[in-house]
Amino acid sequence: MWRLLHADKAGITLTESLAMEPAASVSGLYFAHEKATYFATGKLNKDQVVDYAARKQMDVSEVERWLGPNLAYDAE
C-alpha cells in the first residue's frame, strides 16, 4: 500500500517500527455506506475514570486532566 500511494514523494517515511514520519502524518482506510450513522459517546462518570486509570496504571488526576472535556463531573 505504501508504494501504491507513493508516500515517499510526499515526504513521508516509515520508521523501523512502522510509525510515520513526520509525526503529524496520518493515513487510514475509510469505508462509507449509505446506511452508516455517526454516534457520540456519553460523558464519563467518576467510576469509569477510576477504572480506566487503574487499568492504565495512571493517577486518576492525570486521566481527568487528559479527559477533561469528556467528564460528566467537575474534577477537583
N, C-alpha and C. Protein backbone atom coordinates (compact mmCIF):
# COMPACT_ATOMS: atom_id res chain seq x y z
N MET A 1 0.83 -1.18 0.00
CA MET A 1 0.00 0.00 0.00
C MET A 1 0.88 1.25 0.00
N TRP A 2 1.96 1.21 0.78
CA TRP A 2 2.84 2.37 0.89
C TRP A 2 3.40 2.76 -0.47
N ARG A 3 3.83 1.77 -1.23
CA ARG A 3 4.37 2.05 -2.57
C ARG A 3 3.28 2.52 -3.53
N LEU A 4 2.10 1.96 -3.40
CA LEU A 4 0.98 2.35 -4.25
C LEU A 4 0.63 3.82 -4.07
N LEU A 5 0.71 4.31 -2.83
CA LEU A 5 0.39 5.70 -2.53
C LEU A 5 1.53 6.67 -2.85
N HIS A 6 2.73 6.15 -3.08
CA HIS A 6 3.91 6.97 -3.33
C HIS A 6 4.11 7.98 -2.19
N ALA A 7 3.98 7.50 -0.98
CA ALA A 7 4.07 8.36 0.20
C ALA A 7 5.43 9.04 0.31
N ASP A 8 6.48 8.37 -0.16
CA ASP A 8 7.81 8.97 -0.08
C ASP A 8 7.90 10.25 -0.91
N LYS A 9 7.12 10.35 -1.98
CA LYS A 9 7.11 11.57 -2.79
C LYS A 9 6.48 12.74 -2.04
N ALA A 10 5.66 12.43 -1.05
CA ALA A 10 5.04 13.48 -0.23
C ALA A 10 5.91 13.80 0.99
N GLY A 11 7.07 13.14 1.09
CA GLY A 11 7.98 13.41 2.20
C GLY A 11 7.67 12.62 3.45
N ILE A 12 6.87 11.55 3.31
CA ILE A 12 6.50 10.73 4.47
C ILE A 12 7.31 9.44 4.41
N THR A 13 7.94 9.11 5.53
CA THR A 13 8.73 7.88 5.60
C THR A 13 8.24 7.03 6.77
N LEU A 14 8.66 5.78 6.77
CA LEU A 14 8.33 4.87 7.86
C LEU A 14 9.56 4.58 8.69
N THR A 15 9.37 4.55 10.00
CA THR A 15 10.47 4.20 10.89
C THR A 15 10.60 2.68 10.93
N GLU A 16 11.57 2.20 11.66
CA GLU A 16 11.78 0.77 11.80
C GLU A 16 10.58 0.07 12.42
N SER A 17 9.84 0.78 13.29
CA SER A 17 8.66 0.20 13.93
C SER A 17 7.38 0.52 13.15
N LEU A 18 7.53 1.02 11.93
CA LEU A 18 6.43 1.34 11.02
C LEU A 18 5.59 2.54 11.44
N ALA A 19 6.15 3.42 12.25
CA ALA A 19 5.49 4.69 12.55
C ALA A 19 5.81 5.66 11.41
N MET A 20 4.89 6.56 11.13
CA MET A 20 5.12 7.51 10.04
C MET A 20 5.86 8.74 10.55
N GLU A 21 6.74 9.23 9.73
CA GLU A 21 7.44 10.48 10.00
C GLU A 21 7.22 11.39 8.82
N PRO A 22 6.94 12.67 9.00
CA PRO A 22 6.85 13.37 10.28
C PRO A 22 5.65 12.88 11.10
N ALA A 23 5.73 13.14 12.39
CA ALA A 23 4.72 12.63 13.33
C ALA A 23 3.31 13.11 13.01
N ALA A 24 3.17 14.23 12.33
CA ALA A 24 1.84 14.77 12.01
C ALA A 24 1.20 14.04 10.82
N SER A 25 1.90 13.08 10.24
CA SER A 25 1.36 12.33 9.11
C SER A 25 0.25 11.40 9.58
N VAL A 26 -0.79 11.30 8.77
CA VAL A 26 -1.93 10.45 9.11
C VAL A 26 -2.35 9.68 7.87
N SER A 27 -2.67 8.43 8.04
CA SER A 27 -3.21 7.66 6.93
C SER A 27 -4.26 6.70 7.47
N GLY A 28 -5.07 6.21 6.60
CA GLY A 28 -6.07 5.25 7.03
C GLY A 28 -6.88 4.77 5.85
N LEU A 29 -7.64 3.72 6.08
CA LEU A 29 -8.59 3.23 5.10
C LEU A 29 -9.96 3.64 5.58
N TYR A 30 -10.71 4.29 4.76
CA TYR A 30 -12.01 4.80 5.14
C TYR A 30 -13.08 4.17 4.26
N PHE A 31 -14.08 3.62 4.88
CA PHE A 31 -15.16 2.97 4.16
C PHE A 31 -16.46 3.70 4.46
N ALA A 32 -17.30 3.81 3.47
CA ALA A 32 -18.57 4.51 3.66
C ALA A 32 -19.71 3.60 3.21
N HIS A 33 -20.85 3.82 3.79
CA HIS A 33 -22.05 3.10 3.40
C HIS A 33 -23.23 4.03 3.60
N GLU A 34 -24.18 3.96 2.70
CA GLU A 34 -25.33 4.88 2.75
C GLU A 34 -26.15 4.73 4.02
N LYS A 35 -26.08 3.58 4.67
CA LYS A 35 -26.85 3.37 5.90
C LYS A 35 -26.00 3.57 7.17
N ALA A 36 -24.76 4.00 6.98
CA ALA A 36 -23.89 4.24 8.13
C ALA A 36 -24.38 5.46 8.90
N THR A 37 -24.24 5.41 10.21
CA THR A 37 -24.63 6.54 11.05
C THR A 37 -23.49 6.88 12.00
N TYR A 38 -23.44 8.12 12.38
CA TYR A 38 -22.46 8.58 13.36
C TYR A 38 -23.11 8.59 14.73
N PHE A 39 -22.31 8.42 15.74
CA PHE A 39 -22.84 8.45 17.10
C PHE A 39 -21.81 9.08 18.02
N ALA A 40 -22.27 9.57 19.11
CA ALA A 40 -21.37 10.15 20.11
C ALA A 40 -21.50 9.34 21.39
N THR A 41 -20.42 9.26 22.10
CA THR A 41 -20.48 8.58 23.39
C THR A 41 -20.88 9.60 24.46
N GLY A 42 -21.41 9.10 25.54
CA GLY A 42 -21.81 9.98 26.64
C GLY A 42 -20.60 10.42 27.45
N LYS A 43 -20.83 11.30 28.36
CA LYS A 43 -19.78 11.78 29.26
C LYS A 43 -19.38 10.65 30.21
N LEU A 44 -18.14 10.70 30.68
CA LEU A 44 -17.60 9.67 31.57
C LEU A 44 -17.87 10.00 33.03
N ASN A 45 -18.33 9.02 33.77
CA ASN A 45 -18.56 9.17 35.20
C ASN A 45 -17.29 8.84 35.96
N LYS A 46 -17.24 9.23 37.22
CA LYS A 46 -16.05 9.05 38.05
C LYS A 46 -15.63 7.58 38.12
N ASP A 47 -16.59 6.66 38.28
CA ASP A 47 -16.24 5.25 38.39
C ASP A 47 -15.56 4.73 37.12
N GLN A 48 -15.96 5.25 35.96
CA GLN A 48 -15.33 4.85 34.71
C GLN A 48 -13.90 5.37 34.63
N VAL A 49 -13.70 6.59 35.09
CA VAL A 49 -12.36 7.19 35.07
C VAL A 49 -11.43 6.45 36.03
N VAL A 50 -11.94 6.12 37.22
CA VAL A 50 -11.14 5.39 38.21
C VAL A 50 -10.75 4.01 37.65
N ASP A 51 -11.70 3.33 37.03
CA ASP A 51 -11.42 2.01 36.44
C ASP A 51 -10.38 2.12 35.33
N TYR A 52 -10.56 3.10 34.46
CA TYR A 52 -9.62 3.31 33.35
C TYR A 52 -8.21 3.62 33.88
N ALA A 53 -8.13 4.50 34.87
CA ALA A 53 -6.83 4.86 35.45
C ALA A 53 -6.15 3.63 36.03
N ALA A 54 -6.91 2.78 36.70
CA ALA A 54 -6.33 1.56 37.28
C ALA A 54 -5.79 0.64 36.19
N ARG A 55 -6.57 0.47 35.13
CA ARG A 55 -6.14 -0.41 34.04
C ARG A 55 -4.91 0.12 33.32
N LYS A 56 -4.80 1.45 33.21
CA LYS A 56 -3.66 2.07 32.54
C LYS A 56 -2.50 2.35 33.49
N GLN A 57 -2.71 2.04 34.78
CA GLN A 57 -1.70 2.30 35.83
C GLN A 57 -1.30 3.77 35.82
N MET A 58 -2.32 4.64 35.83
CA MET A 58 -2.12 6.08 35.85
C MET A 58 -2.82 6.67 37.05
N ASP A 59 -2.43 7.88 37.45
CA ASP A 59 -3.12 8.60 38.50
C ASP A 59 -4.47 9.09 37.97
N VAL A 60 -5.49 9.04 38.80
CA VAL A 60 -6.81 9.50 38.40
C VAL A 60 -6.76 10.96 37.99
N SER A 61 -6.00 11.77 38.70
CA SER A 61 -5.92 13.20 38.37
C SER A 61 -5.34 13.42 36.97
N GLU A 62 -4.38 12.59 36.57
CA GLU A 62 -3.80 12.71 35.24
C GLU A 62 -4.82 12.31 34.17
N VAL A 63 -5.56 11.24 34.41
CA VAL A 63 -6.59 10.82 33.47
C VAL A 63 -7.66 11.89 33.36
N GLU A 64 -8.04 12.47 34.47
CA GLU A 64 -9.04 13.54 34.46
C GLU A 64 -8.56 14.74 33.65
N ARG A 65 -7.27 15.04 33.76
CA ARG A 65 -6.72 16.16 33.00
C ARG A 65 -6.79 15.87 31.50
N TRP A 66 -6.46 14.65 31.10
CA TRP A 66 -6.48 14.27 29.68
C TRP A 66 -7.90 14.19 29.14
N LEU A 67 -8.83 13.73 29.96
CA LEU A 67 -10.20 13.51 29.50
C LEU A 67 -11.16 14.61 29.94
N GLY A 68 -10.64 15.71 30.44
CA GLY A 68 -11.45 16.79 31.00
C GLY A 68 -12.73 17.14 30.24
N PRO A 69 -12.67 17.40 28.95
CA PRO A 69 -13.89 17.78 28.22
C PRO A 69 -14.94 16.66 28.17
N ASN A 70 -14.52 15.44 28.45
CA ASN A 70 -15.43 14.30 28.35
C ASN A 70 -15.96 13.82 29.69
N LEU A 71 -15.70 14.58 30.75
CA LEU A 71 -16.15 14.16 32.09
C LEU A 71 -17.55 14.65 32.38
N ALA A 72 -18.33 13.80 33.08
CA ALA A 72 -19.70 14.16 33.47
C ALA A 72 -19.72 14.80 34.85
N TYR A 73 -18.55 15.15 35.37
CA TYR A 73 -18.42 15.75 36.70
C TYR A 73 -17.27 16.74 36.67
N ASP A 74 -17.20 17.57 37.70
CA ASP A 74 -16.10 18.52 37.82
C ASP A 74 -14.96 17.87 38.57
N ALA A 75 -13.84 17.71 37.90
CA ALA A 75 -12.64 17.14 38.52
C ALA A 75 -12.03 18.18 39.45
N GLU A 76 -11.72 17.77 40.66
CA GLU A 76 -11.12 18.72 41.61
C GLU A 76 -9.87 18.17 42.21
